Amino acid sequence: MVTTVFLAGYGNSTRGHWQRTWFEQTPNSVWVEQQAWDNPNRDDWVSALDTVLSPLTAPVLIIAHSLGCNTFIEWCATQNKHSLTKITGALLVAYPDVLDKSFPSAIQGFSSPPLTPIPVNSLAIASTNDPYITFERAQYFADAWQIKCINAGAVGHINIASNINDWPEGIVYLAKFKNQLML
């Protein structure tokens, strides 16, 4: 049975966020808890993810939002092939542009993102009006990571402020992705 690991971003995905709803409705799922949701540190966040992933066995599906996506990318860059084989796929939703000059200064250590192919089957989903990244920049990162980037339309940061509730369109994207992964 697949284990679904939910990886939230800056500030956490609280009740009312599609990611929290999906977690609550997904059997055999795990939520990665961070020590400092409002003062993220790359090393701490990657370590928390590694602590969750280390004891798991394949298949593992990652569902990441915002800075959680960047945390997953950073984790991949620190792993050997054996560690990565347990990850069957990763859905990366609304990752921010960590290189943008307006990126929050409270977030530490994410300013040099890996721009190499992600060694895991991954799918990116980005919005055309996300305040934390333009769609063009989202596509730039997806191209560097050699993953497909879906244009979700004008849905902001794909969070509570987007008024998308449990994000039914995202459920469709996830179902298609899981079908491609044969999960």
N, C-alpha and C. Protein backbone atom coordinates (compact mmCIF):
# COMPACT_ATOMS: atom_id res chain seq x y z
N MET A 1 0.83 -1.18 0.00
CA MET A 1 0.00 0.00 0.00
C MET A 1 0.88 1.25 0.00
N VAL A 2 0.47 2.23 -0.78
CA VAL A 2 1.24 3.46 -0.87
C VAL A 2 1.13 4.26 0.43
N THR A 3 2.25 4.85 0.82
CA THR A 3 2.26 5.81 1.93
C THR A 3 2.33 7.19 1.31
N THR A 4 1.39 8.05 1.67
CA THR A 4 1.38 9.41 1.15
C THR A 4 1.93 10.34 2.21
N VAL A 5 2.97 11.07 1.84
CA VAL A 5 3.63 12.00 2.75
C VAL A 5 3.26 13.42 2.33
N PHE A 6 2.66 14.15 3.26
CA PHE A 6 2.26 15.53 3.01
C PHE A 6 3.30 16.47 3.59
N LEU A 7 3.73 17.41 2.75
CA LEU A 7 4.81 18.32 3.09
C LEU A 7 4.34 19.75 2.84
N ALA A 8 3.98 20.44 3.91
CA ALA A 8 3.45 21.80 3.80
C ALA A 8 4.58 22.82 3.72
N GLY A 9 4.19 24.05 3.47
CA GLY A 9 5.16 25.13 3.34
C GLY A 9 5.13 26.11 4.50
N TYR A 10 5.71 27.24 4.26
CA TYR A 10 5.83 28.34 5.22
C TYR A 10 4.49 28.60 5.91
N GLY A 11 4.48 28.55 7.23
CA GLY A 11 3.26 28.81 7.98
C GLY A 11 2.36 27.60 8.18
N ASN A 12 2.64 26.49 7.50
CA ASN A 12 1.87 25.24 7.58
C ASN A 12 0.57 25.36 6.78
N SER A 13 -0.02 24.25 6.47
CA SER A 13 -1.33 24.19 5.81
C SER A 13 -2.34 23.80 6.88
N THR A 14 -3.06 24.78 7.35
CA THR A 14 -3.98 24.57 8.46
C THR A 14 -5.36 24.14 7.97
N ARG A 15 -6.27 23.89 8.91
CA ARG A 15 -7.63 23.47 8.57
C ARG A 15 -8.24 24.45 7.57
N GLY A 16 -8.86 23.91 6.53
CA GLY A 16 -9.43 24.73 5.47
C GLY A 16 -8.56 24.77 4.23
N HIS A 17 -7.31 24.38 4.36
CA HIS A 17 -6.39 24.30 3.22
C HIS A 17 -6.61 22.94 2.56
N TRP A 18 -6.63 22.91 1.24
CA TRP A 18 -6.85 21.66 0.51
C TRP A 18 -5.88 20.57 0.96
N GLN A 19 -4.63 20.93 1.23
CA GLN A 19 -3.63 19.93 1.58
C GLN A 19 -3.98 19.24 2.90
N ARG A 20 -4.45 20.00 3.87
CA ARG A 20 -4.85 19.42 5.16
C ARG A 20 -6.08 18.53 4.97
N THR A 21 -7.03 18.97 4.14
CA THR A 21 -8.22 18.16 3.87
C THR A 21 -7.84 16.84 3.21
N TRP A 22 -6.97 16.90 2.21
CA TRP A 22 -6.53 15.68 1.54
C TRP A 22 -5.86 14.74 2.53
N PHE A 23 -5.01 15.29 3.39
CA PHE A 23 -4.33 14.47 4.40
C PHE A 23 -5.35 13.75 5.27
N GLU A 24 -6.35 14.47 5.74
CA GLU A 24 -7.36 13.89 6.62
C GLU A 24 -8.18 12.81 5.92
N GLN A 25 -8.27 12.89 4.59
CA GLN A 25 -9.08 11.93 3.83
C GLN A 25 -8.25 10.81 3.20
N THR A 26 -6.95 10.84 3.36
CA THR A 26 -6.08 9.86 2.70
C THR A 26 -5.61 8.81 3.69
N PRO A 27 -6.00 7.54 3.45
CA PRO A 27 -5.50 6.48 4.33
C PRO A 27 -3.99 6.32 4.20
N ASN A 28 -3.37 5.84 5.27
CA ASN A 28 -1.93 5.56 5.28
C ASN A 28 -1.11 6.79 4.88
N SER A 29 -1.46 7.93 5.49
CA SER A 29 -0.73 9.16 5.17
C SER A 29 0.00 9.68 6.40
N VAL A 30 1.03 10.48 6.14
CA VAL A 30 1.88 11.04 7.18
C VAL A 30 2.04 12.54 6.90
N TRP A 31 1.99 13.34 7.95
CA TRP A 31 2.20 14.79 7.84
C TRP A 31 3.58 15.10 8.40
N VAL A 32 4.40 15.77 7.63
CA VAL A 32 5.72 16.17 8.11
C VAL A 32 5.55 17.42 8.98
N GLU A 33 5.88 17.27 10.26
CA GLU A 33 5.80 18.41 11.19
C GLU A 33 7.16 19.10 11.25
N GLN A 34 7.11 20.42 11.14
CA GLN A 34 8.33 21.21 11.22
C GLN A 34 8.41 21.89 12.59
N GLN A 35 9.61 22.09 13.08
CA GLN A 35 9.82 22.75 14.38
C GLN A 35 9.42 24.23 14.33
N ALA A 36 9.74 24.89 13.23
CA ALA A 36 9.51 26.33 13.13
C ALA A 36 8.80 26.64 11.81
N TRP A 37 7.47 26.62 11.85
CA TRP A 37 6.70 26.87 10.63
C TRP A 37 6.88 28.30 10.12
N ASP A 38 7.09 29.25 11.02
CA ASP A 38 7.18 30.65 10.62
C ASP A 38 8.60 31.18 10.48
N ASN A 39 9.59 30.34 10.80
CA ASN A 39 11.00 30.69 10.63
C ASN A 39 11.74 29.50 10.04
N PRO A 40 11.39 29.14 8.80
CA PRO A 40 11.98 27.93 8.20
C PRO A 40 13.49 28.02 8.02
N ASN A 41 14.12 26.91 8.31
CA ASN A 41 15.55 26.76 8.08
C ASN A 41 15.72 25.52 7.20
N ARG A 42 16.39 25.68 6.09
CA ARG A 42 16.53 24.59 5.12
C ARG A 42 17.00 23.29 5.76
N ASP A 43 18.08 23.35 6.51
CA ASP A 43 18.64 22.13 7.09
C ASP A 43 17.66 21.46 8.04
N ASP A 44 16.97 22.25 8.86
CA ASP A 44 16.00 21.69 9.80
C ASP A 44 14.83 21.05 9.06
N TRP A 45 14.35 21.74 8.02
CA TRP A 45 13.19 21.22 7.29
C TRP A 45 13.55 19.96 6.52
N VAL A 46 14.72 19.93 5.90
CA VAL A 46 15.16 18.73 5.18
C VAL A 46 15.35 17.58 6.16
N SER A 47 15.89 17.87 7.33
CA SER A 47 16.09 16.85 8.35
C SER A 47 14.75 16.27 8.83
N ALA A 48 13.75 17.13 9.02
CA ALA A 48 12.42 16.66 9.44
C ALA A 48 11.82 15.74 8.38
N LEU A 49 11.98 16.11 7.11
CA LEU A 49 11.49 15.26 6.03
C LEU A 49 12.23 13.93 6.02
N ASP A 50 13.53 13.97 6.18
CA ASP A 50 14.33 12.74 6.18
C ASP A 50 13.93 11.82 7.34
N THR A 51 13.64 12.40 8.49
CA THR A 51 13.22 11.62 9.65
C THR A 51 11.92 10.87 9.35
N VAL A 52 11.01 11.50 8.64
CA VAL A 52 9.75 10.85 8.27
C VAL A 52 9.99 9.79 7.20
N LEU A 53 10.79 10.11 6.20
CA LEU A 53 10.97 9.19 5.06
C LEU A 53 11.87 7.99 5.38
N SER A 54 12.84 8.16 6.24
CA SER A 54 13.83 7.09 6.49
C SER A 54 13.23 5.73 6.79
N PRO A 55 12.26 5.60 7.68
CA PRO A 55 11.75 4.26 7.99
C PRO A 55 10.74 3.72 6.97
N LEU A 56 10.30 4.55 6.04
CA LEU A 56 9.27 4.12 5.10
C LEU A 56 9.85 3.24 4.00
N THR A 57 9.00 2.40 3.44
CA THR A 57 9.37 1.58 2.29
C THR A 57 8.47 1.95 1.13
N ALA A 58 8.90 1.60 -0.06
CA ALA A 58 8.15 1.92 -1.27
C ALA A 58 6.81 1.20 -1.26
N PRO A 59 5.82 1.76 -1.91
CA PRO A 59 5.84 3.03 -2.62
C PRO A 59 5.46 4.21 -1.71
N VAL A 60 6.14 5.33 -1.92
CA VAL A 60 5.86 6.57 -1.19
C VAL A 60 5.50 7.64 -2.21
N LEU A 61 4.42 8.35 -1.94
CA LEU A 61 3.98 9.47 -2.77
C LEU A 61 4.10 10.74 -1.94
N ILE A 62 4.76 11.75 -2.48
CA ILE A 62 4.91 13.05 -1.82
C ILE A 62 3.87 14.01 -2.38
N ILE A 63 3.17 14.71 -1.49
CA ILE A 63 2.28 15.79 -1.91
C ILE A 63 2.75 17.04 -1.18
N ALA A 64 3.44 17.91 -1.92
CA ALA A 64 4.07 19.08 -1.31
C ALA A 64 3.41 20.36 -1.81
N HIS A 65 3.38 21.35 -0.93
CA HIS A 65 2.86 22.67 -1.29
C HIS A 65 3.87 23.74 -0.88
N SER A 66 4.01 24.73 -1.74
CA SER A 66 4.80 25.92 -1.46
C SER A 66 6.24 25.56 -1.06
N LEU A 67 6.72 26.05 0.06
CA LEU A 67 8.10 25.79 0.47
C LEU A 67 8.34 24.31 0.75
N GLY A 68 7.28 23.55 0.96
CA GLY A 68 7.42 22.09 1.09
C GLY A 68 7.99 21.49 -0.18
N CYS A 69 7.64 22.06 -1.33
CA CYS A 69 8.21 21.58 -2.61
C CYS A 69 9.71 21.80 -2.63
N ASN A 70 10.13 22.99 -2.24
CA ASN A 70 11.55 23.30 -2.22
C ASN A 70 12.29 22.42 -1.22
N THR A 71 11.63 22.10 -0.11
CA THR A 71 12.22 21.20 0.88
C THR A 71 12.45 19.83 0.26
N PHE A 72 11.46 19.35 -0.50
CA PHE A 72 11.60 18.05 -1.15
C PHE A 72 12.74 18.08 -2.18
N ILE A 73 12.83 19.14 -2.97
CA ILE A 73 13.91 19.27 -3.96
C ILE A 73 15.27 19.25 -3.26
N GLU A 74 15.37 20.00 -2.17
CA GLU A 74 16.62 20.03 -1.40
C GLU A 74 16.93 18.65 -0.82
N TRP A 75 15.92 17.94 -0.33
CA TRP A 75 16.12 16.59 0.22
C TRP A 75 16.66 15.67 -0.88
N CYS A 76 16.06 15.73 -2.06
CA CYS A 76 16.51 14.87 -3.17
C CYS A 76 18.00 15.08 -3.45
N ALA A 77 18.45 16.33 -3.37
CA ALA A 77 19.85 16.64 -3.68
C ALA A 77 20.81 16.06 -2.65
N THR A 78 20.30 15.67 -1.48
CA THR A 78 21.17 15.13 -0.43
C THR A 78 21.15 13.61 -0.36
N GLN A 79 20.38 12.96 -1.22
CA GLN A 79 20.16 11.52 -1.10
C GLN A 79 20.93 10.72 -2.15
N ASN A 80 21.18 9.46 -1.82
CA ASN A 80 21.76 8.55 -2.81
C ASN A 80 20.62 7.84 -3.56
N LYS A 81 20.96 7.14 -4.62
CA LYS A 81 19.95 6.48 -5.45
C LYS A 81 19.08 5.53 -4.65
N HIS A 82 19.69 4.80 -3.73
CA HIS A 82 18.93 3.82 -2.94
C HIS A 82 17.82 4.51 -2.14
N SER A 83 18.13 5.62 -1.50
CA SER A 83 17.13 6.35 -0.71
C SER A 83 16.00 6.87 -1.58
N LEU A 84 16.34 7.28 -2.79
CA LEU A 84 15.35 7.86 -3.69
C LEU A 84 14.40 6.83 -4.30
N THR A 85 14.81 5.57 -4.35
CA THR A 85 13.98 4.57 -5.03
C THR A 85 12.66 4.33 -4.33
N LYS A 86 12.56 4.64 -3.05
CA LYS A 86 11.29 4.43 -2.34
C LYS A 86 10.23 5.46 -2.73
N ILE A 87 10.67 6.60 -3.30
CA ILE A 87 9.74 7.65 -3.69
C ILE A 87 9.22 7.34 -5.10
N THR A 88 7.96 6.97 -5.18
CA THR A 88 7.36 6.63 -6.47
C THR A 88 7.00 7.88 -7.26
N GLY A 89 6.62 8.94 -6.56
CA GLY A 89 6.25 10.16 -7.25
C GLY A 89 6.11 11.32 -6.29
N ALA A 90 6.15 12.54 -6.86
CA ALA A 90 5.99 13.75 -6.06
C ALA A 90 5.12 14.75 -6.82
N LEU A 91 4.07 15.20 -6.17
CA LEU A 91 3.22 16.26 -6.69
C LEU A 91 3.67 17.55 -6.02
N LEU A 92 4.16 18.50 -6.82
CA LEU A 92 4.76 19.74 -6.31
C LEU A 92 3.86 20.91 -6.69
N VAL A 93 3.16 21.47 -5.72
CA VAL A 93 2.13 22.48 -5.97
C VAL A 93 2.57 23.85 -5.47
N ALA A 94 2.58 24.82 -6.36
CA ALA A 94 2.78 26.24 -6.02
C ALA A 94 4.09 26.51 -5.28
N TYR A 95 5.19 25.97 -5.80
CA TYR A 95 6.48 26.28 -5.16
C TYR A 95 6.81 27.74 -5.41
N PRO A 96 7.43 28.41 -4.43
CA PRO A 96 7.78 29.81 -4.59
C PRO A 96 9.11 29.99 -5.31
N ASP A 97 9.33 31.20 -5.78
CA ASP A 97 10.61 31.54 -6.40
C ASP A 97 11.56 31.97 -5.29
N VAL A 98 12.36 31.04 -4.82
CA VAL A 98 13.27 31.31 -3.70
C VAL A 98 14.41 32.25 -4.10
N LEU A 99 14.56 32.52 -5.39
CA LEU A 99 15.60 33.43 -5.86
C LEU A 99 15.11 34.87 -6.00
N ASP A 100 13.80 35.08 -5.84
CA ASP A 100 13.23 36.41 -6.00
C ASP A 100 13.65 37.31 -4.84
N LYS A 101 13.94 38.56 -5.15
CA LYS A 101 14.41 39.49 -4.12
C LYS A 101 13.35 39.76 -3.04
N SER A 102 12.08 39.49 -3.34
CA SER A 102 11.02 39.71 -2.36
C SER A 102 10.75 38.48 -1.49
N PHE A 103 11.55 37.44 -1.67
CA PHE A 103 11.38 36.22 -0.89
C PHE A 103 11.58 36.55 0.59
N PRO A 104 10.70 36.06 1.48
CA PRO A 104 10.77 36.43 2.90
C PRO A 104 12.12 36.14 3.55
N SER A 105 12.64 37.13 4.25
CA SER A 105 13.95 36.99 4.89
C SER A 105 13.92 36.02 6.08
N ALA A 106 12.73 35.72 6.61
CA ALA A 106 12.62 34.77 7.72
C ALA A 106 12.94 33.35 7.29
N ILE A 107 12.95 33.12 5.99
CA ILE A 107 13.22 31.78 5.46
C ILE A 107 14.71 31.68 5.16
N GLN A 108 15.38 30.74 5.82
CA GLN A 108 16.83 30.63 5.74
C GLN A 108 17.29 29.39 4.98
N GLY A 109 18.29 29.56 4.11
CA GLY A 109 18.98 28.44 3.50
C GLY A 109 18.43 27.91 2.19
N PHE A 110 17.37 28.52 1.69
CA PHE A 110 16.77 28.03 0.45
C PHE A 110 17.19 28.85 -0.77
N SER A 111 18.15 29.74 -0.61
CA SER A 111 18.49 30.70 -1.67
C SER A 111 19.38 30.15 -2.79
N SER A 112 19.80 28.92 -2.69
CA SER A 112 20.61 28.29 -3.75
C SER A 112 19.99 26.96 -4.14
N PRO A 113 18.81 27.00 -4.77
CA PRO A 113 18.11 25.75 -5.06
C PRO A 113 18.83 24.90 -6.10
N PRO A 114 18.76 23.59 -5.96
CA PRO A 114 19.30 22.72 -7.00
C PRO A 114 18.56 22.97 -8.31
N LEU A 115 19.29 23.15 -9.37
CA LEU A 115 18.70 23.35 -10.69
C LEU A 115 19.11 22.21 -11.61
N THR A 116 19.03 21.01 -11.09
CA THR A 116 19.38 19.80 -11.82
C THR A 116 18.15 18.89 -11.85
N PRO A 117 18.13 17.92 -12.75
CA PRO A 117 16.95 17.05 -12.84
C PRO A 117 16.62 16.36 -11.50
N ILE A 118 15.34 16.33 -11.20
CA ILE A 118 14.87 15.62 -10.01
C ILE A 118 14.86 14.13 -10.36
N PRO A 119 15.51 13.30 -9.56
CA PRO A 119 15.59 11.87 -9.88
C PRO A 119 14.37 11.08 -9.43
N VAL A 120 13.22 11.74 -9.39
CA VAL A 120 11.96 11.13 -8.95
C VAL A 120 10.88 11.57 -9.92
N ASN A 121 9.97 10.67 -10.29
CA ASN A 121 8.83 11.06 -11.12
C ASN A 121 8.06 12.16 -10.40
N SER A 122 7.99 13.33 -11.01
CA SER A 122 7.37 14.48 -10.35
C SER A 122 6.49 15.24 -11.32
N LEU A 123 5.49 15.91 -10.75
CA LEU A 123 4.59 16.76 -11.52
C LEU A 123 4.44 18.07 -10.77
N ALA A 124 4.66 19.18 -11.47
CA ALA A 124 4.51 20.50 -10.89
C ALA A 124 3.17 21.10 -11.32
N ILE A 125 2.57 21.85 -10.42
CA ILE A 125 1.34 22.58 -10.74
C ILE A 125 1.55 24.01 -10.28
N ALA A 126 1.32 24.95 -11.19
CA ALA A 126 1.54 26.36 -10.89
C ALA A 126 0.37 27.20 -11.39
N SER A 127 0.24 28.36 -10.82
CA SER A 127 -0.83 29.29 -11.14
C SER A 127 -0.29 30.45 -11.97
N THR A 128 -1.18 31.09 -12.70
CA THR A 128 -0.76 32.24 -13.51
C THR A 128 -0.73 33.54 -12.71
N ASN A 129 -1.27 33.53 -11.50
CA ASN A 129 -1.26 34.75 -10.69
C ASN A 129 -0.82 34.49 -9.25
N ASP A 130 0.12 33.59 -9.10
CA ASP A 130 0.68 33.29 -7.77
C ASP A 130 1.54 34.49 -7.34
N PRO A 131 1.29 35.06 -6.16
CA PRO A 131 2.09 36.21 -5.74
C PRO A 131 3.54 35.86 -5.40
N TYR A 132 3.86 34.56 -5.31
CA TYR A 132 5.21 34.15 -4.91
C TYR A 132 6.05 33.63 -6.07
N ILE A 133 5.45 33.55 -7.26
CA ILE A 133 6.20 33.11 -8.44
C ILE A 133 5.36 33.38 -9.68
N THR A 134 5.99 33.84 -10.74
CA THR A 134 5.27 33.96 -12.00
C THR A 134 5.19 32.58 -12.65
N PHE A 135 4.24 32.42 -13.54
CA PHE A 135 4.15 31.12 -14.20
C PHE A 135 5.41 30.85 -15.02
N GLU A 136 5.97 31.89 -15.61
CA GLU A 136 7.20 31.73 -16.40
C GLU A 136 8.35 31.22 -15.54
N ARG A 137 8.47 31.75 -14.33
CA ARG A 137 9.53 31.27 -13.42
C ARG A 137 9.24 29.84 -12.95
N ALA A 138 7.98 29.53 -12.73
CA ALA A 138 7.61 28.16 -12.35
C ALA A 138 8.02 27.20 -13.46
N GLN A 139 7.79 27.61 -14.70
CA GLN A 139 8.17 26.77 -15.84
C GLN A 139 9.70 26.67 -15.94
N TYR A 140 10.39 27.77 -15.65
CA TYR A 140 11.86 27.76 -15.64
C TYR A 140 12.40 26.69 -14.68
N PHE A 141 11.88 26.68 -13.45
CA PHE A 141 12.32 25.69 -12.48
C PHE A 141 11.94 24.28 -12.93
N ALA A 142 10.73 24.11 -13.42
CA ALA A 142 10.29 22.79 -13.89
C ALA A 142 11.19 22.29 -15.02
N ASP A 143 11.56 23.19 -15.92
CA ASP A 143 12.47 22.80 -17.01
C ASP A 143 13.83 22.37 -16.45
N ALA A 144 14.35 23.12 -15.48
CA ALA A 144 15.64 22.77 -14.87
C ALA A 144 15.56 21.42 -14.17
N TRP A 145 14.41 21.14 -13.55
CA TRP A 145 14.23 19.88 -12.83
C TRP A 145 13.78 18.75 -13.76
N GLN A 146 13.52 19.12 -15.03
CA GLN A 146 13.06 18.17 -16.05
C GLN A 146 11.77 17.47 -15.65
N ILE A 147 10.80 18.29 -15.24
CA ILE A 147 9.48 17.77 -14.91
C ILE A 147 8.41 18.58 -15.63
N LYS A 148 7.25 18.00 -15.80
CA LYS A 148 6.13 18.69 -16.43
C LYS A 148 5.53 19.69 -15.45
N CYS A 149 5.14 20.86 -15.97
CA CYS A 149 4.49 21.88 -15.16
C CYS A 149 3.12 22.16 -15.75
N ILE A 150 2.08 21.92 -14.98
CA ILE A 150 0.71 22.16 -15.42
C ILE A 150 0.30 23.57 -15.04
N ASN A 151 -0.34 24.27 -15.97
CA ASN A 151 -0.89 25.60 -15.73
C ASN A 151 -2.28 25.42 -15.13
N ALA A 152 -2.44 25.75 -13.85
CA ALA A 152 -3.72 25.58 -13.16
C ALA A 152 -4.64 26.78 -13.34
N GLY A 153 -4.20 27.78 -14.10
CA GLY A 153 -5.01 28.98 -14.29
C GLY A 153 -4.76 30.00 -13.19
N ALA A 154 -5.69 30.94 -13.08
CA ALA A 154 -5.55 32.04 -12.12
C ALA A 154 -6.13 31.64 -10.77
N VAL A 155 -5.36 30.88 -10.00
CA VAL A 155 -5.82 30.40 -8.68
C VAL A 155 -4.85 30.81 -7.57
N GLY A 156 -4.16 31.92 -7.75
CA GLY A 156 -3.29 32.44 -6.71
C GLY A 156 -2.22 31.45 -6.27
N HIS A 157 -2.00 31.39 -4.97
CA HIS A 157 -0.97 30.51 -4.42
C HIS A 157 -1.52 29.11 -4.13
N ILE A 158 -2.69 28.83 -4.65
CA ILE A 158 -3.35 27.53 -4.49
C ILE A 158 -3.40 27.18 -3.00
N ASN A 159 -4.01 28.09 -2.25
CA ASN A 159 -4.10 27.94 -0.80
C ASN A 159 -5.47 28.41 -0.32
N ILE A 160 -5.62 28.63 0.97
CA ILE A 160 -6.91 29.06 1.52
C ILE A 160 -7.38 30.36 0.87
N ALA A 161 -6.47 31.31 0.67
CA ALA A 161 -6.84 32.59 0.07
C ALA A 161 -7.36 32.45 -1.36
N SER A 162 -7.09 31.32 -1.99
CA SER A 162 -7.55 31.09 -3.36
C SER A 162 -9.02 30.69 -3.43
N ASN A 163 -9.64 30.42 -2.29
CA ASN A 163 -11.05 30.02 -2.22
C ASN A 163 -11.35 28.80 -3.08
N ILE A 164 -10.49 27.78 -2.98
CA ILE A 164 -10.68 26.57 -3.79
C ILE A 164 -11.13 25.38 -2.94
N ASN A 165 -11.37 25.63 -1.65
CA ASN A 165 -11.83 24.58 -0.72
C ASN A 165 -10.93 23.37 -0.78
N ASP A 166 -11.48 22.19 -1.12
CA ASP A 166 -10.64 20.98 -1.17
C ASP A 166 -9.98 20.80 -2.53
N TRP A 167 -10.05 21.79 -3.38
CA TRP A 167 -9.39 21.87 -4.69
C TRP A 167 -9.71 20.65 -5.56
N PRO A 168 -10.96 20.57 -6.05
CA PRO A 168 -11.36 19.43 -6.88
C PRO A 168 -10.52 19.26 -8.15
N GLU A 169 -10.06 20.37 -8.73
CA GLU A 169 -9.20 20.25 -9.91
C GLU A 169 -7.89 19.55 -9.56
N GLY A 170 -7.38 19.84 -8.39
CA GLY A 170 -6.16 19.19 -7.93
C GLY A 170 -6.35 17.70 -7.73
N ILE A 171 -7.52 17.32 -7.26
CA ILE A 171 -7.82 15.89 -7.09
C ILE A 171 -7.77 15.19 -8.44
N VAL A 172 -8.25 15.86 -9.49
CA VAL A 172 -8.19 15.29 -10.84
C VAL A 172 -6.74 15.18 -11.30
N TYR A 173 -5.95 16.24 -11.09
CA TYR A 173 -4.52 16.18 -11.45
C TYR A 173 -3.83 15.03 -10.73
N LEU A 174 -4.12 14.90 -9.43
CA LEU A 174 -3.49 13.84 -8.64
C LEU A 174 -3.91 12.46 -9.14
N ALA A 175 -5.18 12.29 -9.44
CA ALA A 175 -5.67 10.98 -9.93
C ALA A 175 -4.98 10.59 -11.23
N LYS A 176 -4.83 11.54 -12.14
CA LYS A 176 -4.15 11.27 -13.41
C LYS A 176 -2.67 10.93 -13.17
N PHE A 177 -2.05 11.68 -12.27
CA PHE A 177 -0.64 11.44 -11.95
C PHE A 177 -0.46 10.05 -11.33
N LYS A 178 -1.32 9.70 -10.38
CA LYS A 178 -1.24 8.39 -9.75
C LYS A 178 -1.47 7.28 -10.77
N ASN A 179 -2.35 7.52 -11.73
CA ASN A 179 -2.58 6.54 -12.79
C ASN A 179 -1.31 6.34 -13.62
N GLN A 180 -0.62 7.44 -13.94
CA GLN A 180 0.65 7.35 -14.68
C GLN A 180 1.69 6.57 -13.88
N LEU A 181 1.66 6.73 -12.56
CA LEU A 181 2.62 6.04 -11.69
C LEU A 181 2.20 4.61 -11.39
N MET A 182 1.00 4.25 -11.84
CA MET A 182 0.40 2.94 -11.59
C MET A 182 0.19 2.69 -10.09
N LEU A 183 -0.28 3.72 -9.40
CA LEU A 183 -0.59 3.61 -7.96
C LEU A 183 -2.09 3.44 -7.77
